[in-house]
Amino acid sequence: MKRLPIAVHDAARIHGIAMMAFLAAAIWVLVQLRRHHAGTALVSAGTGLLTVLVLQGAIGYTQYFTGVPPLLVALHVLGASLVWVAVLNLALQMRAPVVDGPSGPRDSDGEQRAGHLSDGDLVPGR
């Protein structure tokens, strides 16, 4: 019985292209976090996501080129779950309140100086 209306090769190619786009977006987010001097926890969450994505990609490519063995399929499913956990962790860290400490230029009264980060930036209020 056929599970997909397209060839496995084509499905793997579409999946791979989508994941490469996701990886590029994750790298862009991590670069922006570092560029704007985001907090350590936020950069750590971004780095964790990037690490899980690279490992997941390695498992996926190995799985494809070794004939889709069941053990690697199970590891790839586990990796997909870890990707979601890492994405959720990053999203929660982006919404976490700012802790005391230097996170950018501030005025003498403790307010962040205008022009440091725009209101529409990746990490507002940092």
N, C-alpha and C. Protein backbone atom coordinates (compact mmCIF):
# COMPACT_ATOMS: atom_id res chain seq x y z
N MET A 1 0.84 -1.18 0.00
CA MET A 1 0.00 0.00 0.00
C MET A 1 0.89 1.25 0.00
N LYS A 2 0.53 2.19 -0.81
CA LYS A 2 1.30 3.42 -0.95
C LYS A 2 0.81 4.46 0.06
N ARG A 3 1.74 5.03 0.86
CA ARG A 3 1.36 6.02 1.88
C ARG A 3 1.28 7.42 1.34
N LEU A 4 2.12 7.76 0.37
CA LEU A 4 2.17 9.11 -0.15
C LEU A 4 1.82 9.12 -1.64
N PRO A 5 1.14 10.17 -2.10
CA PRO A 5 0.83 10.24 -3.52
C PRO A 5 2.02 10.67 -4.39
N ILE A 6 3.17 10.87 -3.76
CA ILE A 6 4.38 11.23 -4.51
C ILE A 6 5.50 10.28 -4.13
N ALA A 7 6.54 10.26 -4.93
CA ALA A 7 7.68 9.38 -4.65
C ALA A 7 8.40 9.82 -3.38
N VAL A 8 8.95 8.85 -2.66
CA VAL A 8 9.68 9.15 -1.43
C VAL A 8 10.83 10.12 -1.71
N HIS A 9 11.50 9.95 -2.82
CA HIS A 9 12.59 10.84 -3.21
C HIS A 9 12.11 12.30 -3.31
N ASP A 10 10.95 12.49 -3.96
CA ASP A 10 10.40 13.84 -4.10
C ASP A 10 9.96 14.41 -2.75
N ALA A 11 9.34 13.58 -1.92
CA ALA A 11 8.93 14.03 -0.59
C ALA A 11 10.15 14.43 0.25
N ALA A 12 11.21 13.63 0.16
CA ALA A 12 12.44 13.94 0.91
C ALA A 12 13.06 15.24 0.41
N ARG A 13 13.01 15.47 -0.90
CA ARG A 13 13.57 16.69 -1.45
C ARG A 13 12.78 17.92 -0.98
N ILE A 14 11.45 17.84 -1.02
CA ILE A 14 10.60 18.94 -0.55
C ILE A 14 10.85 19.20 0.94
N HIS A 15 10.89 18.14 1.71
CA HIS A 15 11.15 18.24 3.15
C HIS A 15 12.51 18.88 3.40
N GLY A 16 13.53 18.43 2.65
CA GLY A 16 14.87 18.97 2.82
C GLY A 16 14.96 20.46 2.50
N ILE A 17 14.29 20.87 1.42
CA ILE A 17 14.30 22.29 1.04
C ILE A 17 13.61 23.13 2.11
N ALA A 18 12.46 22.65 2.61
CA ALA A 18 11.75 23.38 3.66
C ALA A 18 12.61 23.50 4.93
N MET A 19 13.31 22.44 5.27
CA MET A 19 14.14 22.47 6.47
C MET A 19 15.38 23.35 6.29
N MET A 20 15.91 23.41 5.08
CA MET A 20 17.04 24.33 4.82
C MET A 20 16.59 25.78 4.99
N ALA A 21 15.37 26.08 4.54
CA ALA A 21 14.83 27.43 4.73
C ALA A 21 14.65 27.73 6.22
N PHE A 22 14.17 26.74 6.98
CA PHE A 22 14.01 26.90 8.42
C PHE A 22 15.36 27.09 9.09
N LEU A 23 16.35 26.33 8.68
CA LEU A 23 17.70 26.47 9.23
C LEU A 23 18.25 27.87 8.93
N ALA A 24 18.06 28.35 7.72
CA ALA A 24 18.52 29.71 7.36
C ALA A 24 17.84 30.75 8.24
N ALA A 25 16.53 30.59 8.47
CA ALA A 25 15.81 31.54 9.33
C ALA A 25 16.34 31.48 10.76
N ALA A 26 16.63 30.28 11.26
CA ALA A 26 17.16 30.14 12.62
C ALA A 26 18.54 30.79 12.73
N ILE A 27 19.36 30.64 11.72
CA ILE A 27 20.69 31.29 11.72
C ILE A 27 20.52 32.80 11.72
N TRP A 28 19.60 33.31 10.90
CA TRP A 28 19.36 34.76 10.85
C TRP A 28 18.92 35.27 12.22
N VAL A 29 18.01 34.55 12.89
CA VAL A 29 17.55 34.96 14.22
C VAL A 29 18.72 34.97 15.20
N LEU A 30 19.55 33.95 15.18
CA LEU A 30 20.69 33.89 16.10
C LEU A 30 21.68 35.03 15.83
N VAL A 31 21.92 35.33 14.58
CA VAL A 31 22.80 36.46 14.24
C VAL A 31 22.22 37.76 14.78
N GLN A 32 20.91 37.95 14.62
CA GLN A 32 20.27 39.17 15.12
C GLN A 32 20.35 39.25 16.65
N LEU A 33 20.16 38.12 17.31
CA LEU A 33 20.24 38.11 18.77
C LEU A 33 21.64 38.52 19.23
N ARG A 34 22.65 37.98 18.59
CA ARG A 34 24.03 38.33 18.96
C ARG A 34 24.34 39.77 18.60
N ARG A 35 23.87 40.20 17.44
CA ARG A 35 24.15 41.56 16.97
C ARG A 35 23.55 42.62 17.91
N HIS A 36 22.38 42.31 18.47
CA HIS A 36 21.71 43.27 19.34
C HIS A 36 21.96 42.99 20.82
N HIS A 37 22.97 42.17 21.08
CA HIS A 37 23.41 41.89 22.46
C HIS A 37 22.26 41.42 23.35
N ALA A 38 21.53 40.43 22.87
CA ALA A 38 20.44 39.86 23.66
C ALA A 38 21.02 39.17 24.89
N GLY A 39 20.17 38.89 25.85
CA GLY A 39 20.60 38.25 27.08
C GLY A 39 21.18 36.85 26.83
N THR A 40 21.93 36.40 27.81
CA THR A 40 22.60 35.10 27.70
C THR A 40 21.60 33.96 27.52
N ALA A 41 20.50 33.99 28.25
CA ALA A 41 19.51 32.91 28.16
C ALA A 41 18.89 32.86 26.76
N LEU A 42 18.65 34.01 26.18
CA LEU A 42 18.04 34.07 24.85
C LEU A 42 19.01 33.57 23.78
N VAL A 43 20.27 33.99 23.86
CA VAL A 43 21.27 33.51 22.91
C VAL A 43 21.49 32.01 23.08
N SER A 44 21.47 31.55 24.32
CA SER A 44 21.63 30.12 24.59
C SER A 44 20.47 29.32 23.99
N ALA A 45 19.25 29.84 24.09
CA ALA A 45 18.09 29.17 23.49
C ALA A 45 18.22 29.12 21.98
N GLY A 46 18.69 30.20 21.37
CA GLY A 46 18.91 30.22 19.93
C GLY A 46 19.99 29.25 19.50
N THR A 47 21.06 29.19 20.26
CA THR A 47 22.14 28.26 19.96
C THR A 47 21.67 26.82 20.13
N GLY A 48 20.85 26.57 21.13
CA GLY A 48 20.28 25.23 21.32
C GLY A 48 19.43 24.81 20.13
N LEU A 49 18.61 25.73 19.63
CA LEU A 49 17.80 25.42 18.46
C LEU A 49 18.68 25.11 17.26
N LEU A 50 19.70 25.92 17.04
CA LEU A 50 20.60 25.69 15.92
C LEU A 50 21.29 24.32 16.03
N THR A 51 21.72 23.97 17.22
CA THR A 51 22.37 22.68 17.45
C THR A 51 21.43 21.52 17.14
N VAL A 52 20.20 21.59 17.63
CA VAL A 52 19.23 20.53 17.39
C VAL A 52 18.91 20.43 15.89
N LEU A 53 18.80 21.57 15.21
CA LEU A 53 18.51 21.55 13.77
C LEU A 53 19.63 20.89 12.98
N VAL A 54 20.88 21.20 13.32
CA VAL A 54 22.01 20.60 12.60
C VAL A 54 22.06 19.09 12.85
N LEU A 55 21.86 18.68 14.10
CA LEU A 55 21.84 17.24 14.40
C LEU A 55 20.68 16.54 13.70
N GLN A 56 19.53 17.18 13.68
CA GLN A 56 18.36 16.61 13.01
C GLN A 56 18.62 16.47 11.51
N GLY A 57 19.26 17.46 10.92
CA GLY A 57 19.61 17.38 9.50
C GLY A 57 20.58 16.24 9.22
N ALA A 58 21.55 16.07 10.09
CA ALA A 58 22.52 14.97 9.93
C ALA A 58 21.82 13.62 10.01
N ILE A 59 20.91 13.48 10.95
CA ILE A 59 20.15 12.23 11.06
C ILE A 59 19.30 12.02 9.82
N GLY A 60 18.65 13.07 9.35
CA GLY A 60 17.80 12.96 8.17
C GLY A 60 18.56 12.54 6.93
N TYR A 61 19.70 13.17 6.69
CA TYR A 61 20.51 12.80 5.52
C TYR A 61 21.04 11.38 5.64
N THR A 62 21.50 11.00 6.83
CA THR A 62 21.99 9.63 7.04
C THR A 62 20.86 8.63 6.82
N GLN A 63 19.70 8.96 7.34
CA GLN A 63 18.53 8.10 7.18
C GLN A 63 18.20 7.91 5.70
N TYR A 64 18.19 8.99 4.94
CA TYR A 64 17.84 8.91 3.52
C TYR A 64 18.86 8.08 2.73
N PHE A 65 20.14 8.33 2.97
CA PHE A 65 21.17 7.67 2.17
C PHE A 65 21.48 6.24 2.62
N THR A 66 20.90 5.81 3.74
CA THR A 66 21.10 4.42 4.18
C THR A 66 19.84 3.58 4.01
N GLY A 67 18.88 4.07 3.23
CA GLY A 67 17.70 3.27 2.94
C GLY A 67 16.60 3.33 3.98
N VAL A 68 16.55 4.37 4.77
CA VAL A 68 15.50 4.63 5.76
C VAL A 68 15.36 3.48 6.77
N PRO A 69 16.44 3.16 7.50
CA PRO A 69 16.35 2.11 8.52
C PRO A 69 15.45 2.55 9.69
N PRO A 70 14.70 1.63 10.27
CA PRO A 70 13.74 1.96 11.33
C PRO A 70 14.35 2.69 12.54
N LEU A 71 15.57 2.32 12.94
CA LEU A 71 16.19 2.99 14.09
C LEU A 71 16.43 4.47 13.80
N LEU A 72 16.90 4.77 12.61
CA LEU A 72 17.13 6.17 12.27
C LEU A 72 15.81 6.93 12.10
N VAL A 73 14.78 6.24 11.64
CA VAL A 73 13.45 6.88 11.57
C VAL A 73 13.01 7.27 12.98
N ALA A 74 13.18 6.37 13.93
CA ALA A 74 12.82 6.66 15.32
C ALA A 74 13.64 7.82 15.87
N LEU A 75 14.93 7.84 15.57
CA LEU A 75 15.77 8.96 16.03
C LEU A 75 15.34 10.28 15.37
N HIS A 76 14.94 10.21 14.11
CA HIS A 76 14.49 11.42 13.40
C HIS A 76 13.18 11.94 13.99
N VAL A 77 12.30 11.05 14.38
CA VAL A 77 11.05 11.46 15.04
C VAL A 77 11.37 12.09 16.40
N LEU A 78 12.29 11.47 17.15
CA LEU A 78 12.73 12.06 18.42
C LEU A 78 13.34 13.44 18.18
N GLY A 79 14.15 13.55 17.15
CA GLY A 79 14.76 14.83 16.81
C GLY A 79 13.71 15.88 16.46
N ALA A 80 12.65 15.49 15.76
CA ALA A 80 11.57 16.43 15.44
C ALA A 80 10.92 16.95 16.71
N SER A 81 10.75 16.07 17.68
CA SER A 81 10.19 16.50 18.97
C SER A 81 11.13 17.48 19.67
N LEU A 82 12.42 17.20 19.61
CA LEU A 82 13.40 18.10 20.24
C LEU A 82 13.45 19.45 19.53
N VAL A 83 13.24 19.46 18.22
CA VAL A 83 13.17 20.73 17.49
C VAL A 83 12.02 21.57 18.02
N TRP A 84 10.85 20.94 18.21
CA TRP A 84 9.71 21.69 18.73
C TRP A 84 9.98 22.20 20.15
N VAL A 85 10.62 21.41 20.97
CA VAL A 85 10.96 21.85 22.33
C VAL A 85 11.92 23.04 22.25
N ALA A 86 12.90 22.99 21.36
CA ALA A 86 13.87 24.08 21.22
C ALA A 86 13.20 25.35 20.69
N VAL A 87 12.28 25.21 19.74
CA VAL A 87 11.55 26.37 19.22
C VAL A 87 10.70 26.99 20.33
N LEU A 88 10.01 26.15 21.09
CA LEU A 88 9.19 26.64 22.19
C LEU A 88 10.06 27.34 23.24
N ASN A 89 11.20 26.77 23.55
CA ASN A 89 12.12 27.39 24.51
C ASN A 89 12.56 28.77 24.02
N LEU A 90 12.91 28.88 22.74
CA LEU A 90 13.32 30.17 22.19
C LEU A 90 12.17 31.17 22.25
N ALA A 91 10.98 30.75 21.87
CA ALA A 91 9.83 31.65 21.91
C ALA A 91 9.54 32.12 23.33
N LEU A 92 9.63 31.22 24.30
CA LEU A 92 9.39 31.61 25.70
C LEU A 92 10.49 32.54 26.21
N GLN A 93 11.73 32.30 25.81
CA GLN A 93 12.82 33.17 26.23
C GLN A 93 12.65 34.58 25.64
N MET A 94 12.09 34.67 24.43
CA MET A 94 11.87 35.98 23.82
C MET A 94 10.80 36.76 24.56
N ARG A 95 9.91 36.08 25.24
CA ARG A 95 8.84 36.75 25.96
C ARG A 95 9.15 36.92 27.45
N ALA A 96 10.28 36.39 27.90
CA ALA A 96 10.64 36.47 29.31
C ALA A 96 10.93 37.91 29.71
N PRO A 97 10.62 38.29 30.93
CA PRO A 97 10.94 39.64 31.39
C PRO A 97 12.44 39.87 31.42
N VAL A 98 12.83 41.10 31.23
CA VAL A 98 14.24 41.46 31.25
C VAL A 98 14.72 41.45 32.69
N VAL A 99 15.85 40.79 32.94
CA VAL A 99 16.42 40.75 34.28
C VAL A 99 17.34 41.94 34.47
N ASP A 100 17.65 42.25 35.71
CA ASP A 100 18.55 43.36 36.00
C ASP A 100 19.91 43.11 35.38
N GLY A 101 20.51 44.14 34.87
CA GLY A 101 21.84 44.01 34.28
C GLY A 101 21.91 44.80 32.99
N PRO A 102 23.13 45.02 32.51
CA PRO A 102 23.28 45.80 31.30
C PRO A 102 22.76 45.05 30.09
N SER A 103 21.87 45.67 29.35
CA SER A 103 21.36 45.06 28.13
C SER A 103 21.32 46.08 27.01
N GLY A 104 22.15 47.08 27.15
CA GLY A 104 22.20 48.11 26.13
C GLY A 104 22.32 49.48 26.76
N PRO A 105 22.50 50.49 25.94
CA PRO A 105 22.65 51.85 26.46
C PRO A 105 21.40 52.31 27.19
N ARG A 106 21.58 52.92 28.36
CA ARG A 106 20.46 53.42 29.16
C ARG A 106 20.73 54.85 29.59
N ASP A 107 19.65 55.59 29.77
CA ASP A 107 19.78 56.94 30.29
C ASP A 107 20.07 56.89 31.79
N SER A 108 20.33 58.03 32.37
CA SER A 108 20.66 58.07 33.79
C SER A 108 19.50 57.61 34.66
N ASP A 109 18.26 57.75 34.18
CA ASP A 109 17.12 57.30 34.97
C ASP A 109 16.77 55.83 34.72
N GLY A 110 17.60 55.12 33.96
CA GLY A 110 17.40 53.69 33.75
C GLY A 110 16.61 53.35 32.50
N GLU A 111 16.09 54.36 31.80
CA GLU A 111 15.34 54.10 30.57
C GLU A 111 16.30 53.81 29.43
N GLN A 112 15.87 52.92 28.55
CA GLN A 112 16.71 52.60 27.39
C GLN A 112 16.75 53.81 26.45
N ARG A 113 17.95 54.12 25.97
CA ARG A 113 18.12 55.25 25.06
C ARG A 113 17.39 55.01 23.76
N ALA A 114 16.77 56.05 23.24
CA ALA A 114 16.08 55.97 21.95
C ALA A 114 17.08 55.64 20.86
N GLY A 115 16.66 54.83 19.93
CA GLY A 115 17.51 54.50 18.80
C GLY A 115 18.34 53.25 18.97
N HIS A 116 18.38 52.69 20.18
CA HIS A 116 19.18 51.47 20.35
C HIS A 116 18.53 50.30 19.62
N LEU A 117 17.31 50.00 19.95
CA LEU A 117 16.54 48.97 19.25
C LEU A 117 15.19 49.56 18.90
N SER A 118 14.74 49.35 17.69
CA SER A 118 13.45 49.89 17.30
C SER A 118 12.33 49.07 17.92
N ASP A 119 11.14 49.66 17.95
CA ASP A 119 9.99 48.96 18.53
C ASP A 119 9.66 47.67 17.78
N GLY A 120 9.96 47.60 16.49
CA GLY A 120 9.65 46.42 15.73
C GLY A 120 10.78 45.43 15.66
N ASP A 121 11.78 45.59 16.52
CA ASP A 121 12.94 44.71 16.45
C ASP A 121 12.63 43.34 17.03
N LEU A 122 13.60 42.46 16.90
CA LEU A 122 13.45 41.07 17.30
C LEU A 122 13.24 40.90 18.80
N VAL A 123 13.91 41.70 19.59
CA VAL A 123 13.85 41.56 21.03
C VAL A 123 13.49 42.91 21.62
N PRO A 124 12.21 43.27 21.64
CA PRO A 124 11.83 44.58 22.14
C PRO A 124 12.14 44.74 23.62
N GLY A 125 12.55 45.94 23.98
CA GLY A 125 12.79 46.25 25.38
C GLY A 125 14.12 45.77 25.92
N ARG A 126 14.99 45.25 25.09
CA ARG A 126 16.29 44.78 25.56
C ARG A 126 17.35 45.71 25.06
